[in-house]
Amino acid sequence: MNDVTRRVEELVVRQVKAGAADQPVDLDTPLTDRGVDSLSVAGLIVDIERTFGVRFPSALITHDTFVSVRTLASAVNGLTDGRSGEAAGTQDGTEAGTEGGAQGGIQGGGAA
């Protein structure tokens, strides 16, 4: 598991605190089976933007992106271009905001 995938997994577990860490899961377990709902998705987007210093574009806020940790980590890898994800802010040193990124609902196949 690469660093981005590990960190996305940690963010998912933090969002769905109630028993998620005790359940046997893998990277392909559907996020909905782990208790992720639309509110959790909004929280994940904010967490991802802050953790990786990226903007989560509305085009990626789709059901397909939020199927599993693997699909979400793949999207984050695309946003970070393989950066380590250690930065908590943008390149100019400001904290990554959520303006535009976490607004709106899940596009496509319904709630994640």
PDB file of N, CA and C in Angstrom:
ATOM      1  N   MET A   1       0.859  -1.171   0.000  1.00  0.00           N
ATOM      2  CA  MET A   1       0.000   0.000   0.000  1.00  0.00           C
ATOM      3  C   MET A   1       0.902   1.230   0.000  1.00  0.00           C
ATOM      4  N   ASN A   2       0.717   2.113  -0.965  1.00  0.00           N
ATOM      5  CA  ASN A   2       1.554   3.310  -1.020  1.00  0.00           C
ATOM      6  C   ASN A   2       1.090   4.334   0.023  1.00  0.00           C
ATOM      7  N   ASP A   3       1.864   5.383   0.199  1.00  0.00           N
ATOM      8  CA  ASP A   3       1.609   6.377   1.233  1.00  0.00           C
ATOM      9  C   ASP A   3       0.265   7.078   1.036  1.00  0.00           C
ATOM     10  N   VAL A   4      -0.069   7.430  -0.192  1.00  0.00           N
ATOM     11  CA  VAL A   4      -1.336   8.108  -0.454  1.00  0.00           C
ATOM     12  C   VAL A   4      -2.497   7.189  -0.090  1.00  0.00           C
ATOM     13  N   THR A   5      -2.426   5.935  -0.499  1.00  0.00           N
ATOM     14  CA  THR A   5      -3.487   4.976  -0.188  1.00  0.00           C
ATOM     15  C   THR A   5      -3.622   4.784   1.316  1.00  0.00           C
ATOM     16  N   ARG A   6      -2.511   4.679   2.011  1.00  0.00           N
ATOM     17  CA  ARG A   6      -2.531   4.507   3.468  1.00  0.00           C
ATOM     18  C   ARG A   6      -3.200   5.704   4.132  1.00  0.00           C
ATOM     19  N   ARG A   7      -2.847   6.894   3.687  1.00  0.00           N
ATOM     20  CA  ARG A   7      -3.414   8.106   4.293  1.00  0.00           C
ATOM     21  C   ARG A   7      -4.894   8.256   3.967  1.00  0.00           C
ATOM     22  N   VAL A   8      -5.310   7.894   2.756  1.00  0.00           N
ATOM     23  CA  VAL A   8      -6.735   7.926   2.410  1.00  0.00           C
ATOM     24  C   VAL A   8      -7.492   6.932   3.291  1.00  0.00           C
ATOM     25  N   GLU A   9      -6.931   5.757   3.492  1.00  0.00           N
ATOM     26  CA  GLU A   9      -7.540   4.758   4.375  1.00  0.00           C
ATOM     27  C   GLU A   9      -7.723   5.334   5.780  1.00  0.00           C
ATOM     28  N   GLU A  10      -6.706   6.018   6.293  1.00  0.00           N
ATOM     29  CA  GLU A  10      -6.801   6.628   7.619  1.00  0.00           C
ATOM     30  C   GLU A  10      -7.909   7.678   7.669  1.00  0.00           C
ATOM     31  N   LEU A  11      -8.049   8.466   6.616  1.00  0.00           N
ATOM     32  CA  LEU A  11      -9.098   9.487   6.567  1.00  0.00           C
ATOM     33  C   LEU A  11     -10.483   8.845   6.555  1.00  0.00           C
ATOM     34  N   VAL A  12     -10.629   7.754   5.806  1.00  0.00           N
ATOM     35  CA  VAL A  12     -11.919   7.050   5.760  1.00  0.00           C
ATOM     36  C   VAL A  12     -12.254   6.513   7.146  1.00  0.00           C
ATOM     37  N   VAL A  13     -11.299   5.877   7.785  1.00  0.00           N
ATOM     38  CA  VAL A  13     -11.543   5.321   9.116  1.00  0.00           C
ATOM     39  C   VAL A  13     -11.929   6.421  10.089  1.00  0.00           C
ATOM     40  N   ARG A  14     -11.274   7.552  10.011  1.00  0.00           N
ATOM     41  CA  ARG A  14     -11.587   8.661  10.913  1.00  0.00           C
ATOM     42  C   ARG A  14     -13.004   9.188  10.662  1.00  0.00           C
ATOM     43  N   GLN A  15     -13.440   9.216   9.410  1.00  0.00           N
ATOM     44  CA  GLN A  15     -14.782   9.713   9.081  1.00  0.00           C
ATOM     45  C   GLN A  15     -15.888   8.773   9.562  1.00  0.00           C
ATOM     46  N   VAL A  16     -15.616   7.475   9.585  1.00  0.00           N
ATOM     47  CA  VAL A  16     -16.654   6.496   9.933  1.00  0.00           C
ATOM     48  C   VAL A  16     -16.352   5.808  11.255  1.00  0.00           C
ATOM     49  N   LYS A  17     -15.745   6.517  12.160  1.00  0.00           N
ATOM     50  CA  LYS A  17     -15.243   6.044  13.442  1.00  0.00           C
ATOM     51  C   LYS A  17     -15.923   4.804  14.006  1.00  0.00           C
ATOM     52  N   ALA A  18     -17.217   4.745  14.037  1.00  0.00           N
ATOM     53  CA  ALA A  18     -17.956   3.704  14.757  1.00  0.00           C
ATOM     54  C   ALA A  18     -17.657   2.306  14.242  1.00  0.00           C
ATOM     55  N   GLY A  19     -16.658   1.677  14.816  1.00  0.00           N
ATOM     56  CA  GLY A  19     -16.362   0.283  14.538  1.00  0.00           C
ATOM     57  C   GLY A  19     -15.663   0.008  13.231  1.00  0.00           C
ATOM     58  N   ALA A  20     -15.392   1.022  12.436  1.00  0.00           N
ATOM     59  CA  ALA A  20     -14.809   0.784  11.120  1.00  0.00           C
ATOM     60  C   ALA A  20     -13.453   0.101  11.202  1.00  0.00           C
ATOM     61  N   ALA A  21     -12.656   0.453  12.196  1.00  0.00           N
ATOM     62  CA  ALA A  21     -11.322  -0.120  12.298  1.00  0.00           C
ATOM     63  C   ALA A  21     -11.368  -1.588  12.713  1.00  0.00           C
ATOM     64  N   ASP A  22     -12.477  -2.028  13.329  1.00  0.00           N
ATOM     65  CA  ASP A  22     -12.582  -3.409  13.794  1.00  0.00           C
ATOM     66  C   ASP A  22     -13.110  -4.356  12.727  1.00  0.00           C
ATOM     67  N   GLN A  23     -13.708  -3.822  11.698  1.00  0.00           N
ATOM     68  CA  GLN A  23     -14.293  -4.656  10.667  1.00  0.00           C
ATOM     69  C   GLN A  23     -13.228  -5.089   9.675  1.00  0.00           C
ATOM     70  N   PRO A  24     -13.272  -6.369   9.260  1.00  0.00           N
ATOM     71  CA  PRO A  24     -12.312  -6.808   8.246  1.00  0.00           C
ATOM     72  C   PRO A  24     -12.661  -6.167   6.899  1.00  0.00           C
ATOM     73  N   VAL A  25     -11.763  -5.339   6.409  1.00  0.00           N
ATOM     74  CA  VAL A  25     -11.991  -4.655   5.144  1.00  0.00           C
ATOM     75  C   VAL A  25     -10.717  -4.699   4.325  1.00  0.00           C
ATOM     76  N   ASP A  26     -10.868  -4.443   3.053  1.00  0.00           N
ATOM     77  CA  ASP A  26      -9.701  -4.295   2.199  1.00  0.00           C
ATOM     78  C   ASP A  26      -9.890  -3.042   1.367  1.00  0.00           C
ATOM     79  N   LEU A  27      -8.964  -2.791   0.494  1.00  0.00           N
ATOM     80  CA  LEU A  27      -9.004  -1.561  -0.292  1.00  0.00           C
ATOM     81  C   LEU A  27     -10.184  -1.499  -1.248  1.00  0.00           C
ATOM     82  N   ASP A  28     -10.807  -2.646  -1.532  1.00  0.00           N
ATOM     83  CA  ASP A  28     -11.918  -2.686  -2.470  1.00  0.00           C
ATOM     84  C   ASP A  28     -13.279  -2.810  -1.786  1.00  0.00           C
ATOM     85  N   THR A  29     -13.305  -2.820  -0.454  1.00  0.00           N
ATOM     86  CA  THR A  29     -14.581  -2.841   0.258  1.00  0.00           C
ATOM     87  C   THR A  29     -15.349  -1.572  -0.089  1.00  0.00           C
ATOM     88  N   PRO A  30     -16.596  -1.690  -0.526  1.00  0.00           N
ATOM     89  CA  PRO A  30     -17.361  -0.477  -0.850  1.00  0.00           C
ATOM     90  C   PRO A  30     -17.425   0.467   0.350  1.00  0.00           C
ATOM     91  N   LEU A  31     -17.214   1.749   0.095  1.00  0.00           N
ATOM     92  CA  LEU A  31     -17.253   2.720   1.179  1.00  0.00           C
ATOM     93  C   LEU A  31     -18.618   2.738   1.846  1.00  0.00           C
ATOM     94  N   THR A  32     -19.674   2.478   1.092  1.00  0.00           N
ATOM     95  CA  THR A  32     -21.005   2.441   1.695  1.00  0.00           C
ATOM     96  C   THR A  32     -21.113   1.302   2.702  1.00  0.00           C
ATOM     97  N   ASP A  33     -20.426   0.188   2.463  1.00  0.00           N
ATOM     98  CA  ASP A  33     -20.417  -0.927   3.414  1.00  0.00           C
ATOM     99  C   ASP A  33     -19.655  -0.564   4.686  1.00  0.00           C
ATOM    100  N   ARG A  34     -18.817   0.442   4.595  1.00  0.00           N
ATOM    101  CA  ARG A  34     -18.050   0.892   5.748  1.00  0.00           C
ATOM    102  C   ARG A  34     -18.751   2.026   6.489  1.00  0.00           C
ATOM    103  N   GLY A  35     -19.947   2.382   6.040  1.00  0.00           N
ATOM    104  CA  GLY A  35     -20.718   3.411   6.717  1.00  0.00           C
ATOM    105  C   GLY A  35     -20.546   4.804   6.153  1.00  0.00           C
ATOM    106  N   VAL A  36     -19.887   4.934   5.001  1.00  0.00           N
ATOM    107  CA  VAL A  36     -19.707   6.252   4.386  1.00  0.00           C
ATOM    108  C   VAL A  36     -21.018   6.662   3.722  1.00  0.00           C
ATOM    109  N   ASP A  37     -21.495   7.856   4.079  1.00  0.00           N
ATOM    110  CA  ASP A  37     -22.688   8.417   3.463  1.00  0.00           C
ATOM    111  C   ASP A  37     -22.317   9.773   2.856  1.00  0.00           C
ATOM    112  N   SER A  38     -23.309  10.509   2.374  1.00  0.00           N
ATOM    113  CA  SER A  38     -23.009  11.773   1.690  1.00  0.00           C
ATOM    114  C   SER A  38     -22.340  12.785   2.626  1.00  0.00           C
ATOM    115  N   LEU A  39     -22.709  12.789   3.891  1.00  0.00           N
ATOM    116  CA  LEU A  39     -22.061  13.691   4.838  1.00  0.00           C
ATOM    117  C   LEU A  39     -20.598  13.296   5.042  1.00  0.00           C
ATOM    118  N   SER A  40     -20.342  11.997   5.113  1.00  0.00           N
ATOM    119  CA  SER A  40     -18.964  11.516   5.239  1.00  0.00           C
ATOM    120  C   SER A  40     -18.136  11.880   4.009  1.00  0.00           C
ATOM    121  N   VAL A  41     -18.761  11.813   2.826  1.00  0.00           N
ATOM    122  CA  VAL A  41     -18.063  12.180   1.587  1.00  0.00           C
ATOM    123  C   VAL A  41     -17.633  13.640   1.646  1.00  0.00           C
ATOM    124  N   ALA A  42     -18.531  14.508   2.108  1.00  0.00           N
ATOM    125  CA  ALA A  42     -18.178  15.931   2.231  1.00  0.00           C
ATOM    126  C   ALA A  42     -17.005  16.095   3.188  1.00  0.00           C
ATOM    127  N   GLY A  43     -17.032  15.384   4.303  1.00  0.00           N
ATOM    128  CA  GLY A  43     -15.918  15.437   5.258  1.00  0.00           C
ATOM    129  C   GLY A  43     -14.632  14.901   4.667  1.00  0.00           C
ATOM    130  N   LEU A  44     -14.724  13.825   3.892  1.00  0.00           N
ATOM    131  CA  LEU A  44     -13.537  13.267   3.244  1.00  0.00           C
ATOM    132  C   LEU A  44     -12.926  14.259   2.264  1.00  0.00           C
ATOM    133  N   ILE A  45     -13.765  14.950   1.524  1.00  0.00           N
ATOM    134  CA  ILE A  45     -13.256  15.930   0.562  1.00  0.00           C
ATOM    135  C   ILE A  45     -12.484  17.023   1.296  1.00  0.00           C
ATOM    136  N   VAL A  46     -13.052  17.531   2.372  1.00  0.00           N
ATOM    137  CA  VAL A  46     -12.369  18.561   3.167  1.00  0.00           C
ATOM    138  C   VAL A  46     -11.059  18.004   3.713  1.00  0.00           C
ATOM    139  N   ASP A  47     -11.093  16.801   4.280  1.00  0.00           N
ATOM    140  CA  ASP A  47      -9.882  16.182   4.836  1.00  0.00           C
ATOM    141  C   ASP A  47      -8.809  15.975   3.772  1.00  0.00           C
ATOM    142  N   ILE A  48      -9.225  15.512   2.596  1.00  0.00           N
ATOM    143  CA  ILE A  48      -8.267  15.284   1.505  1.00  0.00           C
ATOM    144  C   ILE A  48      -7.641  16.599   1.070  1.00  0.00           C
ATOM    145  N   GLU A  49      -8.455  17.633   0.928  1.00  0.00           N
ATOM    146  CA  GLU A  49      -7.912  18.931   0.514  1.00  0.00           C
ATOM    147  C   GLU A  49      -6.911  19.452   1.534  1.00  0.00           C
ATOM    148  N   ARG A  50      -7.212  19.310   2.798  1.00  0.00           N
ATOM    149  CA  ARG A  50      -6.298  19.789   3.844  1.00  0.00           C
ATOM    150  C   ARG A  50      -5.063  18.919   3.966  1.00  0.00           C
ATOM    151  N   THR A  51      -5.230  17.618   3.913  1.00  0.00           N
ATOM    152  CA  THR A  51      -4.117  16.689   4.094  1.00  0.00           C
ATOM    153  C   THR A  51      -3.125  16.748   2.942  1.00  0.00           C
ATOM    154  N   PHE A  52      -3.640  16.806   1.724  1.00  0.00           N
ATOM    155  CA  PHE A  52      -2.775  16.727   0.550  1.00  0.00           C
ATOM    156  C   PHE A  52      -2.507  18.072  -0.104  1.00  0.00           C
ATOM    157  N   GLY A  53      -3.137  19.142   0.393  1.00  0.00           N
ATOM    158  CA  GLY A  53      -2.894  20.461  -0.171  1.00  0.00           C
ATOM    159  C   GLY A  53      -3.366  20.585  -1.603  1.00  0.00           C
ATOM    160  N   VAL A  54      -4.513  19.976  -1.899  1.00  0.00           N
ATOM    161  CA  VAL A  54      -5.063  20.000  -3.252  1.00  0.00           C
ATOM    162  C   VAL A  54      -6.491  20.531  -3.208  1.00  0.00           C
ATOM    163  N   ARG A  55      -7.004  20.862  -4.357  1.00  0.00           N
ATOM    164  CA  ARG A  55      -8.420  21.177  -4.530  1.00  0.00           C
ATOM    165  C   ARG A  55      -9.070  19.942  -5.140  1.00  0.00           C
ATOM    166  N   PHE A  56     -10.170  19.517  -4.598  1.00  0.00           N
ATOM    167  CA  PHE A  56     -10.898  18.370  -5.134  1.00  0.00           C
ATOM    168  C   PHE A  56     -11.912  18.917  -6.128  1.00  0.00           C
ATOM    169  N   PRO A  57     -11.645  18.767  -7.422  1.00  0.00           N
ATOM    170  CA  PRO A  57     -12.528  19.371  -8.426  1.00  0.00           C
ATOM    171  C   PRO A  57     -13.908  18.710  -8.452  1.00  0.00           C
ATOM    172  N   SER A  58     -14.913  19.507  -8.735  1.00  0.00           N
ATOM    173  CA  SER A  58     -16.280  18.989  -8.747  1.00  0.00           C
ATOM    174  C   SER A  58     -16.451  17.851  -9.753  1.00  0.00           C
ATOM    175  N   ALA A  59     -15.651  17.837 -10.797  1.00  0.00           N
ATOM    176  CA  ALA A  59     -15.742  16.759 -11.791  1.00  0.00           C
ATOM    177  C   ALA A  59     -15.394  15.394 -11.192  1.00  0.00           C
ATOM    178  N   LEU A  60     -14.648  15.384 -10.094  1.00  0.00           N
ATOM    179  CA  LEU A  60     -14.292  14.117  -9.443  1.00  0.00           C
ATOM    180  C   LEU A  60     -15.268  13.724  -8.339  1.00  0.00           C
ATOM    181  N   ILE A  61     -16.209  14.576  -8.028  1.00  0.00           N
ATOM    182  CA  ILE A  61     -17.172  14.259  -6.975  1.00  0.00           C
ATOM    183  C   ILE A  61     -18.284  13.431  -7.608  1.00  0.00           C
ATOM    184  N   THR A  62     -17.954  12.173  -7.854  1.00  0.00           N
ATOM    185  CA  THR A  62     -18.867  11.239  -8.508  1.00  0.00           C
ATOM    186  C   THR A  62     -18.932   9.950  -7.702  1.00  0.00           C
ATOM    187  N   HIS A  63     -19.946   9.182  -7.974  1.00  0.00           N
ATOM    188  CA  HIS A  63     -20.078   7.876  -7.331  1.00  0.00           C
ATOM    189  C   HIS A  63     -18.856   7.007  -7.623  1.00  0.00           C
ATOM    190  N   ASP A  64     -18.373   7.015  -8.857  1.00  0.00           N
ATOM    191  CA  ASP A  64     -17.234   6.184  -9.239  1.00  0.00           C
ATOM    192  C   ASP A  64     -15.970   6.505  -8.448  1.00  0.00           C
ATOM    193  N   THR A  65     -15.771   7.760  -8.085  1.00  0.00           N
ATOM    194  CA  THR A  65     -14.598   8.142  -7.303  1.00  0.00           C
ATOM    195  C   THR A  65     -14.681   7.593  -5.892  1.00  0.00           C
ATOM    196  N   PHE A  66     -15.885   7.541  -5.335  1.00  0.00           N
ATOM    197  CA  PHE A  66     -16.079   7.172  -3.934  1.00  0.00           C
ATOM    198  C   PHE A  66     -16.601   5.749  -3.752  1.00  0.00           C
ATOM    199  N   VAL A  67     -16.215   4.847  -4.639  1.00  0.00           N
ATOM    200  CA  VAL A  67     -16.630   3.448  -4.518  1.00  0.00           C
ATOM    201  C   VAL A  67     -15.881   2.757  -3.386  1.00  0.00           C
ATOM    202  N   SER A  68     -14.566   2.962  -3.319  1.00  0.00           N
ATOM    203  CA  SER A  68     -13.724   2.253  -2.345  1.00  0.00           C
ATOM    204  C   SER A  68     -12.501   3.109  -2.026  1.00  0.00           C
ATOM    205  N   VAL A  69     -11.736   2.652  -1.058  1.00  0.00           N
ATOM    206  CA  VAL A  69     -10.479   3.342  -0.748  1.00  0.00           C
ATOM    207  C   VAL A  69      -9.586   3.342  -1.981  1.00  0.00           C
ATOM    208  N   ARG A  70      -9.564   2.235  -2.707  1.00  0.00           N
ATOM    209  CA  ARG A  70      -8.706   2.146  -3.898  1.00  0.00           C
ATOM    210  C   ARG A  70      -9.087   3.191  -4.948  1.00  0.00           C
ATOM    211  N   THR A  71     -10.391   3.354  -5.228  1.00  0.00           N
ATOM    212  CA  THR A  71     -10.807   4.320  -6.249  1.00  0.00           C
ATOM    213  C   THR A  71     -10.578   5.753  -5.770  1.00  0.00           C
ATOM    214  N   LEU A  72     -10.797   5.990  -4.487  1.00  0.00           N
ATOM    215  CA  LEU A  72     -10.566   7.329  -3.942  1.00  0.00           C
ATOM    216  C   LEU A  72      -9.076   7.652  -3.939  1.00  0.00           C
ATOM    217  N   ALA A  73      -8.248   6.700  -3.533  1.00  0.00           N
ATOM    218  CA  ALA A  73      -6.796   6.918  -3.529  1.00  0.00           C
ATOM    219  C   ALA A  73      -6.275   7.153  -4.944  1.00  0.00           C
ATOM    220  N   SER A  74      -6.853   6.475  -5.915  1.00  0.00           N
ATOM    221  CA  SER A  74      -6.449   6.681  -7.308  1.00  0.00           C
ATOM    222  C   SER A  74      -6.736   8.117  -7.737  1.00  0.00           C
ATOM    223  N   ALA A  75      -7.895   8.634  -7.358  1.00  0.00           N
ATOM    224  CA  ALA A  75      -8.235  10.025  -7.684  1.00  0.00           C
ATOM    225  C   ALA A  75      -7.274  10.989  -6.995  1.00  0.00           C
ATOM    226  N   VAL A  76      -6.971  10.720  -5.728  1.00  0.00           N
ATOM    227  CA  VAL A  76      -6.052  11.587  -4.980  1.00  0.00           C
ATOM    228  C   VAL A  76      -4.657  11.514  -5.590  1.00  0.00           C
ATOM    229  N   ASN A  77      -4.215  10.325  -5.985  1.00  0.00           N
ATOM    230  CA  ASN A  77      -2.915  10.204  -6.655  1.00  0.00           C
ATOM    231  C   ASN A  77      -2.874  11.073  -7.899  1.00  0.00           C
ATOM    232  N   GLY A  78      -3.962  11.101  -8.656  1.00  0.00           N
ATOM    233  CA  GLY A  78      -4.017  11.948  -9.849  1.00  0.00           C
ATOM    234  C   GLY A  78      -3.925  13.427  -9.511  1.00  0.00           C
ATOM    235  N   LEU A  79      -4.495  13.809  -8.373  1.00  0.00           N
ATOM    236  CA  LEU A  79      -4.445  15.212  -7.962  1.00  0.00           C
ATOM    237  C   LEU A  79      -3.079  15.617  -7.434  1.00  0.00           C
ATOM    238  N   THR A  80      -2.398  14.680  -6.811  1.00  0.00           N
ATOM    239  CA  THR A  80      -1.106  14.999  -6.206  1.00  0.00           C
ATOM    240  C   THR A  80       0.057  14.748  -7.153  1.00  0.00           C
ATOM    241  N   ASP A  81      -0.206  14.102  -8.279  1.00  0.00           N
ATOM    242  CA  ASP A  81       0.857  13.772  -9.236  1.00  0.00           C
ATOM    243  C   ASP A  81       1.992  13.032  -8.558  1.00  0.00           C
ATOM    244  N   GLY A  82       1.643  12.156  -7.593  1.00  0.00           N
ATOM    245  CA  GLY A  82       2.651  11.350  -6.939  1.00  0.00           C
ATOM    246  C   GLY A  82       3.396  12.035  -5.825  1.00  0.00           C
ATOM    247  N   ARG A  83       3.026  13.304  -5.488  1.00  0.00           N
ATOM    248  CA  ARG A  83       3.686  13.957  -4.353  1.00  0.00           C
ATOM    249  C   ARG A  83       3.444  13.128  -3.110  1.00  0.00           C
ATOM    250  N   SER A  84       4.246  13.327  -2.104  1.00  0.00           N
ATOM    251  CA  SER A  84       4.149  12.533  -0.881  1.00  0.00           C
ATOM    252  C   SER A  84       2.891  12.823  -0.099  1.00  0.00           C
ATOM    253  N   GLY A  85       2.264  13.972  -0.306  1.00  0.00           N
ATOM    254  CA  GLY A  85       1.060  14.317   0.422  1.00  0.00           C
ATOM    255  C   GLY A  85       1.336  14.826   1.817  1.00  0.00           C
ATOM    256  N   GLU A  86       2.584  15.155   2.110  1.00  0.00           N
ATOM    257  CA  GLU A  86       2.931  15.631   3.440  1.00  0.00           C
ATOM    258  C   GLU A  86       2.530  17.078   3.653  1.00  0.00           C
ATOM    259  N   ALA A  87       2.388  17.834   2.579  1.00  0.00           N
ATOM    260  CA  ALA A  87       2.068  19.252   2.721  1.00  0.00           C
ATOM    261  C   ALA A  87       0.637  19.422   3.204  1.00  0.00           C
ATOM    262  N   ALA A  88       0.445  20.320   4.136  1.00  0.00           N
ATOM    263  CA  ALA A  88      -0.899  20.603   4.622  1.00  0.00           C
ATOM    264  C   ALA A  88      -1.439  21.863   3.973  1.00  0.00           C
ATOM    265  N   GLY A  89      -0.673  22.460   3.094  1.00  0.00           N
ATOM    266  CA  GLY A  89      -1.120  23.690   2.443  1.00  0.00           C
ATOM    267  C   GLY A  89      -0.787  23.667   0.980  1.00  0.00           C
ATOM    268  N   THR A  90      -1.107  24.742   0.317  1.00  0.00           N
ATOM    269  CA  THR A  90      -0.804  24.861  -1.093  1.00  0.00           C
ATOM    270  C   THR A  90       0.646  25.287  -1.268  1.00  0.00           C
ATOM    271  N   GLN A  91       1.098  25.369  -2.489  1.00  0.00           N
ATOM    272  CA  GLN A  91       2.491  25.709  -2.736  1.00  0.00           C
ATOM    273  C   GLN A  91       2.865  27.093  -2.230  1.00  0.00           C
ATOM    274  N   ASP A  92       1.884  28.012  -2.143  1.00  0.00           N
ATOM    275  CA  ASP A  92       2.232  29.345  -1.669  1.00  0.00           C
ATOM    276  C   ASP A  92       2.164  29.449  -0.141  1.00  0.00           C
ATOM    277  N   GLY A  93       1.953  28.297   0.532  1.00  0.00           N
ATOM    278  CA  GLY A  93       1.993  28.271   1.977  1.00  0.00           C
ATOM    279  C   GLY A  93       0.664  28.504   2.659  1.00  0.00           C
ATOM    280  N   THR A  94      -0.371  28.797   1.877  1.00  0.00           N
ATOM    281  CA  THR A  94      -1.679  28.992   2.482  1.00  0.00           C
ATOM    282  C   THR A  94      -2.366  27.648   2.628  1.00  0.00           C
ATOM    283  N   GLU A  95      -3.272  27.559   3.593  1.00  0.00           N
ATOM    284  CA  GLU A  95      -3.986  26.302   3.797  1.00  0.00           C
ATOM    285  C   GLU A  95      -4.943  26.079   2.639  1.00  0.00           C
ATOM    286  N   ALA A  96      -5.003  24.845   2.176  1.00  0.00           N
ATOM    287  CA  ALA A  96      -5.927  24.517   1.101  1.00  0.00           C
ATOM    288  C   ALA A  96      -7.344  24.659   1.611  1.00  0.00           C
ATOM    289  N   GLY A  97      -8.141  25.412   0.906  1.00  0.00           N
ATOM    290  CA  GLY A  97      -9.514  25.637   1.327  1.00  0.00           C
ATOM    291  C   GLY A  97     -10.462  24.657   0.685  1.00  0.00           C
ATOM    292  N   THR A  98     -11.725  24.865   0.958  1.00  0.00           N
ATOM    293  CA  THR A  98     -12.737  23.995   0.384  1.00  0.00           C
ATOM    294  C   THR A  98     -13.635  24.735  -0.577  1.00  0.00           C
ATOM    295  N   GLU A  99     -13.329  25.989  -0.834  1.00  0.00           N
ATOM    296  CA  GLU A  99     -14.165  26.770  -1.722  1.00  0.00           C
ATOM    297  C   GLU A  99     -14.252  26.107  -3.088  1.00  0.00           C
ATOM    298  N   GLY A 100     -15.434  25.736  -3.466  1.00  0.00           N
ATOM    299  CA  GLY A 100     -15.636  25.110  -4.768  1.00  0.00           C
ATOM    300  C   GLY A 100     -15.396  23.621  -4.749  1.00  0.00           C
ATOM    301  N   GLY A 101     -14.486  23.120  -3.926  1.00  0.00           N
ATOM    302  CA  GLY A 101     -14.163  21.705  -3.933  1.00  0.00           C
ATOM    303  C   GLY A 101     -15.226  20.847  -3.294  1.00  0.00           C
ATOM    304  N   ALA A 102     -15.646  21.172  -2.091  1.00  0.00           N
ATOM    305  CA  ALA A 102     -16.580  20.327  -1.373  1.00  0.00           C
ATOM    306  C   ALA A 102     -18.018  20.773  -1.535  1.00  0.00           C
ATOM    307  N   GLN A 103     -18.268  21.721  -2.397  1.00  0.00           N
ATOM    308  CA  GLN A 103     -19.634  22.183  -2.587  1.00  0.00           C
ATOM    309  C   GLN A 103     -20.341  21.297  -3.587  1.00  0.00           C
ATOM    310  N   GLY A 104     -21.628  21.206  -3.438  1.00  0.00           N
ATOM    311  CA  GLY A 104     -22.413  20.418  -4.372  1.00  0.00           C
ATOM    312  C   GLY A 104     -22.530  18.982  -3.908  1.00  0.00           C
ATOM    313  N   GLY A 105     -23.339  18.208  -4.585  1.00  0.00           N
ATOM    314  CA  GLY A 105     -23.579  16.826  -4.200  1.00  0.00           C
ATOM    315  C   GLY A 105     -22.770  15.867  -5.036  1.00  0.00           C
ATOM    316  N   ILE A 106     -23.000  14.618  -4.796  1.00  0.00           N
ATOM    317  CA  ILE A 106     -22.343  13.577  -5.575  1.00  0.00           C
ATOM    318  C   ILE A 106     -23.001  13.541  -6.935  1.00  0.00           C
ATOM    319  N   GLN A 107     -22.190  13.593  -7.962  1.00  0.00           N
ATOM    320  CA  GLN A 107     -22.709  13.557  -9.320  1.00  0.00           C
ATOM    321  C   GLN A 107     -22.734  12.120  -9.790  1.00  0.00           C
ATOM    322  N   GLY A 108     -23.683  11.795 -10.572  1.00  0.00           N
ATOM    323  CA  GLY A 108     -23.698  10.460 -11.155  1.00  0.00           C
ATOM    324  C   GLY A 108     -24.563   9.507 -10.356  1.00  0.00           C
ATOM    325  N   GLY A 109     -24.028   8.314 -10.064  1.00  0.00           N
ATOM    326  CA  GLY A 109     -24.762   7.183  -9.539  1.00  0.00           C
ATOM    327  C   GLY A 109     -25.336   7.292  -8.155  1.00  0.00           C
ATOM    328  N   GLY A 110     -25.710   8.426  -7.676  1.00  0.00           N
ATOM    329  CA  GLY A 110     -26.369   8.540  -6.384  1.00  0.00           C
ATOM    330  C   GLY A 110     -25.394   8.769  -5.267  1.00  0.00           C
ATOM    331  N   ALA A 111     -25.864   8.625  -4.062  1.00  0.00           N
ATOM    332  CA  ALA A 111     -25.023   8.878  -2.882  1.00  0.00           C
ATOM    333  C   ALA A 111     -23.954   7.819  -2.773  1.00  0.00           C
ATOM    334  N   ALA A 112     -22.803   8.239  -2.291  1.00  0.00           N
ATOM    335  CA  ALA A 112     -21.705   7.286  -2.113  1.00  0.00           C
ATOM    336  C   ALA A 112     -21.837   6.628  -0.780  1.00  0.00           C
TER     337      ALA A 112
END
